[in-house]
Amino acid sequence: MQISELEGIYNIVGTNQDDTNTSYTGTLSLRLNTDGRLLAKWRIGNDQEQFGEGFFRDNILVINFHYYDEDRNIYRGVVVYRCLSKDILDGFWSEEFGDPKCLGEERCFRVGHEPELLN
């Protein structure tokens, strides 16, 4: 798989980095920049946006991300996706102020494509 095959928009479902199993949904947009890195933009729910830049190797996508709260405090983290195909990304993430005993989880499905069923 090539990094350019990952460009596009994905629907996401995930759980937060805590022990409550709180879930969320949203979208992830991936596009290549001029340096060959993927730029990421998440929209979680109706109001939270997160931004990141990532690199790709051996079907693993790693993105360093950040976002701001309502007081403009910045939060940083990293997400690691295993690219099951160019249409399905399976990942886990952690941010600096999350519960260090837990990881968040996220699965992404390309918009406009019916993914193959995975066993």
Protein backbone atom coordinates (compact mmCIF):
# COMPACT_ATOMS: atom_id res chain seq x y z
CA MET A 1 0.00 0.00 0.00
CA GLN A 2 1.19 3.53 -0.80
CA ILE A 3 0.67 6.59 1.39
CA SER A 4 -1.25 8.34 -1.40
CA GLU A 5 -3.92 5.61 -1.23
CA LEU A 6 -4.89 6.79 2.25
CA GLU A 7 -5.98 10.26 1.17
CA GLY A 8 -9.70 10.78 1.68
CA ILE A 9 -12.45 11.11 4.25
CA TYR A 10 -13.28 8.45 6.83
CA ASN A 11 -16.11 7.98 9.31
CA ILE A 12 -14.72 7.17 12.73
CA VAL A 13 -15.97 5.38 15.83
CA GLY A 14 -13.89 5.34 18.96
CA THR A 15 -13.62 5.14 22.71
CA ASN A 16 -11.92 7.65 24.98
CA GLN A 17 -8.68 7.20 26.92
CA ASP A 18 -10.30 6.25 30.21
CA ASP A 19 -11.99 3.30 31.86
CA THR A 20 -15.59 4.42 31.20
CA ASN A 21 -15.84 3.05 27.63
CA THR A 22 -17.29 6.41 26.56
CA SER A 23 -17.67 6.28 22.79
CA TYR A 24 -17.60 8.99 20.14
CA THR A 25 -18.13 9.36 16.39
CA GLY A 26 -16.85 11.79 13.81
CA THR A 27 -14.84 12.12 10.63
CA LEU A 28 -11.18 12.05 9.72
CA SER A 29 -9.81 13.77 6.63
CA LEU A 30 -6.37 12.77 5.32
CA ARG A 31 -4.41 14.56 2.58
CA LEU A 32 -0.79 14.63 1.47
CA ASN A 33 1.27 17.76 1.89
CA THR A 34 4.13 18.79 -0.39
CA ASP A 35 6.66 16.92 1.81
CA GLY A 36 4.83 13.61 1.38
CA ARG A 37 3.41 13.60 4.90
CA LEU A 38 -0.25 13.09 5.66
CA LEU A 39 -2.12 16.00 7.16
CA ALA A 40 -5.02 14.93 9.36
CA LYS A 41 -8.12 16.74 10.54
CA TRP A 42 -10.60 15.09 12.88
CA ARG A 43 -14.06 16.41 13.60
CA ILE A 44 -15.36 14.75 16.77
CA GLY A 45 -19.06 15.17 17.41
CA ASN A 46 -20.36 18.55 16.35
CA ASP A 47 -17.77 20.87 17.82
CA GLN A 48 -14.28 19.47 18.44
CA GLU A 49 -11.57 19.68 15.79
CA GLN A 50 -8.15 18.09 16.06
CA PHE A 51 -5.19 18.45 13.71
CA GLY A 52 -2.12 16.37 13.03
CA GLU A 53 0.71 15.36 10.74
CA GLY A 54 1.78 11.79 10.16
CA PHE A 55 4.05 9.35 8.45
CA PHE A 56 3.51 5.91 6.98
CA ARG A 57 5.57 2.73 6.78
CA ASP A 58 4.78 -0.99 6.48
CA ASN A 59 1.01 -0.30 6.54
CA ILE A 60 1.33 1.59 9.84
CA LEU A 61 0.25 5.23 10.01
CA VAL A 62 1.48 7.33 12.96
CA ILE A 63 0.03 10.80 13.51
CA ASN A 64 1.06 13.36 16.13
CA PHE A 65 -2.03 15.42 16.87
CA HIS A 66 -3.16 18.45 18.85
CA TYR A 67 -6.32 20.30 19.72
CA TYR A 68 -7.48 23.25 21.81
CA ASP A 69 -10.09 23.39 24.55
CA GLU A 70 -12.55 26.24 25.00
CA ASP A 71 -9.93 28.22 26.96
CA ARG A 72 -7.38 27.78 24.13
CA ASN A 73 -5.23 25.35 26.14
CA ILE A 74 -3.41 22.98 23.81
CA TYR A 75 -3.49 19.20 24.21
CA ARG A 76 -1.15 16.85 22.34
CA GLY A 77 -1.11 13.16 21.62
CA VAL A 78 -0.28 10.41 19.16
CA VAL A 79 -2.44 7.93 17.28
CA VAL A 80 -1.20 4.74 15.61
CA TYR A 81 -3.32 3.14 12.88
CA ARG A 82 -2.80 -0.29 11.40
CA CYS A 83 -4.03 0.03 7.81
CA LEU A 84 -6.09 -3.12 7.33
CA SER A 85 -6.81 -1.86 3.81
CA LYS A 86 -6.86 1.55 2.14
CA ASP A 87 -10.47 1.80 3.35
CA ILE A 88 -10.19 0.59 6.98
CA LEU A 89 -7.84 1.92 9.64
CA ASP A 90 -7.67 0.33 13.09
CA GLY A 91 -5.97 2.41 15.75
CA PHE A 92 -5.17 3.32 19.31
CA TRP A 93 -4.19 6.66 20.77
CA SER A 94 -2.95 8.46 23.84
CA GLU A 95 -2.81 12.10 24.82
CA GLU A 96 -0.68 13.79 27.43
CA PHE A 97 -3.45 14.43 29.98
CA GLY A 98 -5.42 11.22 29.44
CA ASP A 99 -5.51 8.33 31.89
CA PRO A 100 -2.00 6.81 31.56
CA LYS A 101 -3.39 3.35 32.41
CA CYS A 102 -5.68 3.39 29.35
CA LEU A 103 -5.51 3.85 25.59
CA GLY A 104 -8.19 5.31 23.39
CA GLU A 105 -9.30 3.24 20.41
CA GLU A 106 -10.50 4.28 16.99
CA ARG A 107 -11.63 2.57 13.81
CA CYS A 108 -11.97 4.50 10.54
CA PHE A 109 -14.04 3.55 7.47
CA ARG A 110 -13.59 5.36 4.17
CA VAL A 111 -16.67 7.39 3.21
CA GLY A 112 -18.40 6.17 0.06
CA HIS A 113 -16.96 2.67 0.15
CA GLU A 114 -18.50 -0.51 1.49
CA PRO A 115 -15.68 -2.18 3.44
CA GLU A 116 -15.00 -5.87 3.18
CA LEU A 117 -16.14 -7.85 6.19
CA LEU A 118 -13.23 -8.73 8.43
CA ASN A 119 -13.11 -12.01 10.31
